[in-house]
Amino acid sequence: MLGQDQRTEHFRQSMRRLASTVCVISCKRGGERYGITVTSVTPLSFSPISILACVNKTTSISAPLKDVGRYCINVLRASQADVSNSFSGGLPPKERFDVGKWAEMDGIPYLPDAQASLFCEIDQAISYATHDIIIGGVTAAHFAPDIAPLIYQNGSYAVAAPLALQKAG
């Protein structure tokens, strides 16, 4: 049987094999904007239209996000790795919004040129260990006509490409 450290490392290495779309969650409280890069975003339901995201409780966005309850999940384009880096600790929180072309809709910061922007209101926040599972009802969605999301896999950025499948024989 593996010890806790080995199980943790095996889990970490297993998750490096999971390709995920890169997103930035953004919100605004008291005139100050907050944002964080996440890959733990999953569509939840079409009825009601909802999505979930996992946010570490120690991040600068955690308390403001739960306080205001309104936010945007910005699905990044393959060309927006600089935005991802800025919001994943590459810049101090107050400088993160200097990277990218940010706008606001109903007081919520968002990237108009993102792959997609999902405006949400928190329906539930479930605490689990080090993270909060944020379940949001989607109130509006904008998307680009082309599909070119930024992907994160094995500790690096990647791009998605369609497979040309052929029938055997």
C-alpha atoms as a PDB file:
ATOM      1  CA  MET A   1       0.000   0.000   0.000  1.00  0.00           C
ATOM      2  CA  LEU A   2       1.267   3.448  -0.913  1.00  0.00           C
ATOM      3  CA  GLY A   3       1.949   6.032   1.771  1.00  0.00           C
ATOM      4  CA  GLN A   4       0.207   9.439   1.703  1.00  0.00           C
ATOM      5  CA  ASP A   5       3.165  11.165  -0.011  1.00  0.00           C
ATOM      6  CA  GLN A   6       3.299   8.534  -2.765  1.00  0.00           C
ATOM      7  CA  ARG A   7      -0.484   8.632  -3.285  1.00  0.00           C
ATOM      8  CA  THR A   8      -0.306  12.439  -3.536  1.00  0.00           C
ATOM      9  CA  GLU A   9       2.488  12.260  -6.114  1.00  0.00           C
ATOM     10  CA  HIS A  10       0.727   9.530  -8.119  1.00  0.00           C
ATOM     11  CA  PHE A  11      -2.444  11.640  -8.111  1.00  0.00           C
ATOM     12  CA  ARG A  12      -0.468  14.725  -9.206  1.00  0.00           C
ATOM     13  CA  GLN A  13       1.166  12.802 -12.061  1.00  0.00           C
ATOM     14  CA  SER A  14      -2.172  11.294 -13.104  1.00  0.00           C
ATOM     15  CA  MET A  15      -3.769  14.759 -13.254  1.00  0.00           C
ATOM     16  CA  ARG A  16      -0.901  15.985 -15.479  1.00  0.00           C
ATOM     17  CA  ARG A  17      -2.318  13.614 -18.101  1.00  0.00           C
ATOM     18  CA  LEU A  18      -5.722  15.326 -17.951  1.00  0.00           C
ATOM     19  CA  ALA A  19      -5.990  18.029 -20.611  1.00  0.00           C
ATOM     20  CA  SER A  20      -8.086  21.000 -19.454  1.00  0.00           C
ATOM     21  CA  THR A  21      -9.289  24.229 -21.000  1.00  0.00           C
ATOM     22  CA  VAL A  22      -7.748  27.273 -19.322  1.00  0.00           C
ATOM     23  CA  CYS A  23     -10.127  29.878 -17.887  1.00  0.00           C
ATOM     24  CA  VAL A  24      -9.888  33.069 -15.856  1.00  0.00           C
ATOM     25  CA  ILE A  25     -12.597  33.699 -13.285  1.00  0.00           C
ATOM     26  CA  SER A  26     -13.149  37.430 -12.738  1.00  0.00           C
ATOM     27  CA  CYS A  27     -15.294  39.528 -10.422  1.00  0.00           C
ATOM     28  CA  LYS A  28     -15.428  43.003  -8.913  1.00  0.00           C
ATOM     29  CA  ARG A  29     -16.062  44.074  -5.312  1.00  0.00           C
ATOM     30  CA  GLY A  30     -16.045  47.629  -4.033  1.00  0.00           C
ATOM     31  CA  GLY A  31     -14.447  48.957  -7.215  1.00  0.00           C
ATOM     32  CA  GLU A  32     -11.569  46.447  -7.088  1.00  0.00           C
ATOM     33  CA  ARG A  33     -11.230  43.711  -9.714  1.00  0.00           C
ATOM     34  CA  TYR A  34     -10.207  40.162  -8.818  1.00  0.00           C
ATOM     35  CA  GLY A  35      -9.220  37.260 -11.030  1.00  0.00           C
ATOM     36  CA  ILE A  36      -7.582  33.849 -11.046  1.00  0.00           C
ATOM     37  CA  THR A  37      -6.565  31.261 -13.645  1.00  0.00           C
ATOM     38  CA  VAL A  38      -8.357  27.928 -13.265  1.00  0.00           C
ATOM     39  CA  THR A  39      -8.623  24.663 -15.164  1.00  0.00           C
ATOM     40  CA  SER A  40     -11.202  23.105 -12.855  1.00  0.00           C
ATOM     41  CA  VAL A  41     -14.319  24.274 -14.726  1.00  0.00           C
ATOM     42  CA  THR A  42     -17.074  21.857 -15.725  1.00  0.00           C
ATOM     43  CA  PRO A  43     -20.500  22.342 -17.320  1.00  0.00           C
ATOM     44  CA  LEU A  44     -23.069  21.029 -14.864  1.00  0.00           C
ATOM     45  CA  SER A  45     -26.584  21.189 -16.310  1.00  0.00           C
ATOM     46  CA  PHE A  46     -28.723  22.597 -19.109  1.00  0.00           C
ATOM     47  CA  SER A  47     -31.747  22.850 -16.819  1.00  0.00           C
ATOM     48  CA  PRO A  48     -31.024  25.037 -15.006  1.00  0.00           C
ATOM     49  CA  ILE A  49     -28.085  26.226 -17.102  1.00  0.00           C
ATOM     50  CA  SER A  50     -25.182  25.927 -14.680  1.00  0.00           C
ATOM     51  CA  ILE A  51     -21.450  25.430 -14.419  1.00  0.00           C
ATOM     52  CA  LEU A  52     -19.068  24.611 -11.602  1.00  0.00           C
ATOM     53  CA  ALA A  53     -15.568  25.798 -10.817  1.00  0.00           C
ATOM     54  CA  CYS A  54     -13.214  24.921  -7.993  1.00  0.00           C
ATOM     55  CA  VAL A  55     -11.392  27.805  -6.282  1.00  0.00           C
ATOM     56  CA  ASN A  56      -8.678  27.476  -3.656  1.00  0.00           C
ATOM     57  CA  LYS A  57      -9.822  29.160  -0.443  1.00  0.00           C
ATOM     58  CA  THR A  58      -6.457  30.931   0.008  1.00  0.00           C
ATOM     59  CA  THR A  59      -6.612  32.856  -3.293  1.00  0.00           C
ATOM     60  CA  SER A  60      -7.257  36.589  -3.443  1.00  0.00           C
ATOM     61  CA  ILE A  61     -10.546  36.051  -5.313  1.00  0.00           C
ATOM     62  CA  SER A  62     -12.079  33.568  -2.864  1.00  0.00           C
ATOM     63  CA  ALA A  63     -13.762  35.948  -0.390  1.00  0.00           C
ATOM     64  CA  PRO A  64     -14.751  38.654  -2.934  1.00  0.00           C
ATOM     65  CA  LEU A  65     -16.241  36.022  -5.258  1.00  0.00           C
ATOM     66  CA  LYS A  66     -18.451  34.609  -2.512  1.00  0.00           C
ATOM     67  CA  ASP A  67     -19.318  38.089  -1.219  1.00  0.00           C
ATOM     68  CA  VAL A  68     -20.539  39.564  -4.523  1.00  0.00           C
ATOM     69  CA  GLY A  69     -21.873  36.327  -5.995  1.00  0.00           C
ATOM     70  CA  ARG A  70     -21.575  37.567  -9.599  1.00  0.00           C
ATOM     71  CA  TYR A  71     -18.643  36.652 -11.831  1.00  0.00           C
ATOM     72  CA  CYS A  72     -17.465  35.711 -15.296  1.00  0.00           C
ATOM     73  CA  ILE A  73     -15.715  32.571 -16.465  1.00  0.00           C
ATOM     74  CA  ASN A  74     -13.508  33.678 -19.367  1.00  0.00           C
ATOM     75  CA  VAL A  75     -12.575  30.676 -21.526  1.00  0.00           C
ATOM     76  CA  LEU A  76      -9.186  31.633 -22.932  1.00  0.00           C
ATOM     77  CA  ARG A  77      -8.077  31.434 -26.558  1.00  0.00           C
ATOM     78  CA  ALA A  78      -4.867  29.674 -27.549  1.00  0.00           C
ATOM     79  CA  SER A  79      -3.361  33.150 -28.102  1.00  0.00           C
ATOM     80  CA  GLN A  80      -4.043  34.250 -24.494  1.00  0.00           C
ATOM     81  CA  ALA A  81      -1.343  32.353 -22.580  1.00  0.00           C
ATOM     82  CA  ASP A  82      -0.046  35.736 -21.353  1.00  0.00           C
ATOM     83  CA  VAL A  83      -3.396  36.383 -19.647  1.00  0.00           C
ATOM     84  CA  SER A  84      -3.292  32.934 -18.051  1.00  0.00           C
ATOM     85  CA  ASN A  85       0.243  33.508 -16.772  1.00  0.00           C
ATOM     86  CA  SER A  86      -0.691  36.896 -15.313  1.00  0.00           C
ATOM     87  CA  PHE A  87      -3.632  35.486 -13.372  1.00  0.00           C
ATOM     88  CA  SER A  88      -1.841  32.356 -12.166  1.00  0.00           C
ATOM     89  CA  GLY A  89       0.627  34.231 -10.001  1.00  0.00           C
ATOM     90  CA  GLY A  90       2.808  35.802 -12.679  1.00  0.00           C
ATOM     91  CA  LEU A  91       1.743  39.281 -11.544  1.00  0.00           C
ATOM     92  CA  PRO A  92       0.515  40.766  -8.259  1.00  0.00           C
ATOM     93  CA  PRO A  93      -3.319  40.824  -8.062  1.00  0.00           C
ATOM     94  CA  LYS A  94      -3.579  44.583  -8.673  1.00  0.00           C
ATOM     95  CA  GLU A  95      -1.569  44.347 -11.938  1.00  0.00           C
ATOM     96  CA  ARG A  96      -3.231  41.287 -13.494  1.00  0.00           C
ATOM     97  CA  PHE A  97      -5.885  43.234 -15.392  1.00  0.00           C
ATOM     98  CA  ASP A  98      -3.136  45.197 -17.191  1.00  0.00           C
ATOM     99  CA  VAL A  99      -2.726  42.135 -19.436  1.00  0.00           C
ATOM    100  CA  GLY A 100      -5.504  41.522 -21.968  1.00  0.00           C
ATOM    101  CA  LYS A 101      -8.275  43.753 -23.280  1.00  0.00           C
ATOM    102  CA  TRP A 102     -10.729  43.871 -20.385  1.00  0.00           C
ATOM    103  CA  ALA A 103     -14.209  45.384 -20.408  1.00  0.00           C
ATOM    104  CA  GLU A 104     -17.159  45.295 -18.011  1.00  0.00           C
ATOM    105  CA  MET A 105     -20.731  44.126 -18.352  1.00  0.00           C
ATOM    106  CA  ASP A 106     -23.069  44.968 -15.481  1.00  0.00           C
ATOM    107  CA  GLY A 107     -20.018  45.666 -13.306  1.00  0.00           C
ATOM    108  CA  ILE A 108     -18.338  42.320 -14.021  1.00  0.00           C
ATOM    109  CA  PRO A 109     -14.909  42.357 -15.711  1.00  0.00           C
ATOM    110  CA  TYR A 110     -14.600  40.110 -18.759  1.00  0.00           C
ATOM    111  CA  LEU A 111     -12.480  39.525 -21.869  1.00  0.00           C
ATOM    112  CA  PRO A 112     -14.544  40.385 -24.978  1.00  0.00           C
ATOM    113  CA  ASP A 113     -11.979  38.586 -27.162  1.00  0.00           C
ATOM    114  CA  ALA A 114     -11.975  35.379 -25.092  1.00  0.00           C
ATOM    115  CA  GLN A 115     -12.999  32.060 -26.618  1.00  0.00           C
ATOM    116  CA  ALA A 116     -16.166  32.390 -24.538  1.00  0.00           C
ATOM    117  CA  SER A 117     -17.427  34.450 -21.598  1.00  0.00           C
ATOM    118  CA  LEU A 118     -19.944  32.931 -19.198  1.00  0.00           C
ATOM    119  CA  PHE A 119     -21.598  35.391 -16.812  1.00  0.00           C
ATOM    120  CA  CYS A 120     -22.761  33.684 -13.647  1.00  0.00           C
ATOM    121  CA  GLU A 121     -24.436  34.131 -10.288  1.00  0.00           C
ATOM    122  CA  ILE A 122     -23.478  31.820  -7.445  1.00  0.00           C
ATOM    123  CA  ASP A 123     -26.186  29.291  -6.694  1.00  0.00           C
ATOM    124  CA  GLN A 124     -24.132  27.292  -4.186  1.00  0.00           C
ATOM    125  CA  ALA A 125     -20.635  27.348  -2.717  1.00  0.00           C
ATOM    126  CA  ILE A 126     -19.657  24.023  -1.227  1.00  0.00           C
ATOM    127  CA  SER A 127     -16.577  23.872   0.966  1.00  0.00           C
ATOM    128  CA  TYR A 128     -14.369  20.810   0.502  1.00  0.00           C
ATOM    129  CA  ALA A 129     -10.901  20.562   2.039  1.00  0.00           C
ATOM    130  CA  THR A 130      -8.727  23.356   0.544  1.00  0.00           C
ATOM    131  CA  HIS A 131     -11.235  24.458  -2.104  1.00  0.00           C
ATOM    132  CA  ASP A 132     -14.718  25.823  -2.623  1.00  0.00           C
ATOM    133  CA  ILE A 133     -16.835  24.243  -5.328  1.00  0.00           C
ATOM    134  CA  ILE A 134     -18.665  27.182  -6.863  1.00  0.00           C
ATOM    135  CA  ILE A 135     -21.884  26.281  -8.661  1.00  0.00           C
ATOM    136  CA  GLY A 136     -23.044  29.146 -10.820  1.00  0.00           C
ATOM    137  CA  GLY A 137     -26.206  29.759 -12.737  1.00  0.00           C
ATOM    138  CA  VAL A 138     -25.278  31.105 -16.169  1.00  0.00           C
ATOM    139  CA  THR A 139     -27.102  34.386 -16.820  1.00  0.00           C
ATOM    140  CA  ALA A 140     -25.444  35.254 -20.158  1.00  0.00           C
ATOM    141  CA  ALA A 141     -22.913  33.720 -22.539  1.00  0.00           C
ATOM    142  CA  HIS A 142     -20.864  35.165 -25.385  1.00  0.00           C
ATOM    143  CA  PHE A 143     -18.626  33.093 -27.651  1.00  0.00           C
ATOM    144  CA  ALA A 144     -16.278  33.495 -30.589  1.00  0.00           C
ATOM    145  CA  PRO A 145     -17.279  31.929 -33.914  1.00  0.00           C
ATOM    146  CA  ASP A 146     -13.983  30.030 -34.202  1.00  0.00           C
ATOM    147  CA  ILE A 147     -12.897  27.321 -31.788  1.00  0.00           C
ATOM    148  CA  ALA A 148      -9.306  27.640 -30.577  1.00  0.00           C
ATOM    149  CA  PRO A 149      -9.143  27.223 -26.782  1.00  0.00           C
ATOM    150  CA  LEU A 150      -5.996  27.355 -24.670  1.00  0.00           C
ATOM    151  CA  ILE A 151      -5.352  23.901 -23.184  1.00  0.00           C
ATOM    152  CA  TYR A 152      -3.189  22.970 -20.184  1.00  0.00           C
ATOM    153  CA  GLN A 153      -1.664  19.493 -20.087  1.00  0.00           C
ATOM    154  CA  ASN A 154       1.375  18.009 -18.361  1.00  0.00           C
ATOM    155  CA  GLY A 155       2.409  21.375 -16.911  1.00  0.00           C
ATOM    156  CA  SER A 156       2.422  23.140 -20.290  1.00  0.00           C
ATOM    157  CA  TYR A 157       0.094  24.994 -22.608  1.00  0.00           C
ATOM    158  CA  ALA A 158      -1.191  23.153 -25.654  1.00  0.00           C
ATOM    159  CA  VAL A 159      -3.691  23.647 -28.454  1.00  0.00           C
ATOM    160  CA  ALA A 160      -6.524  21.423 -29.583  1.00  0.00           C
ATOM    161  CA  ALA A 161      -6.715  20.101 -33.127  1.00  0.00           C
ATOM    162  CA  PRO A 162      -9.367  17.935 -34.779  1.00  0.00           C
ATOM    163  CA  LEU A 163      -8.401  14.370 -35.617  1.00  0.00           C
ATOM    164  CA  ALA A 164      -8.804  13.166 -39.166  1.00  0.00           C
ATOM    165  CA  LEU A 165     -10.314   9.761 -38.526  1.00  0.00           C
ATOM    166  CA  GLN A 166     -10.542   7.203 -41.270  1.00  0.00           C
ATOM    167  CA  LYS A 167     -12.581   4.022 -41.335  1.00  0.00           C
ATOM    168  CA  ALA A 168     -10.603   0.819 -41.327  1.00  0.00           C
ATOM    169  CA  GLY A 169     -10.610  -1.331 -44.452  1.00  0.00           C
END
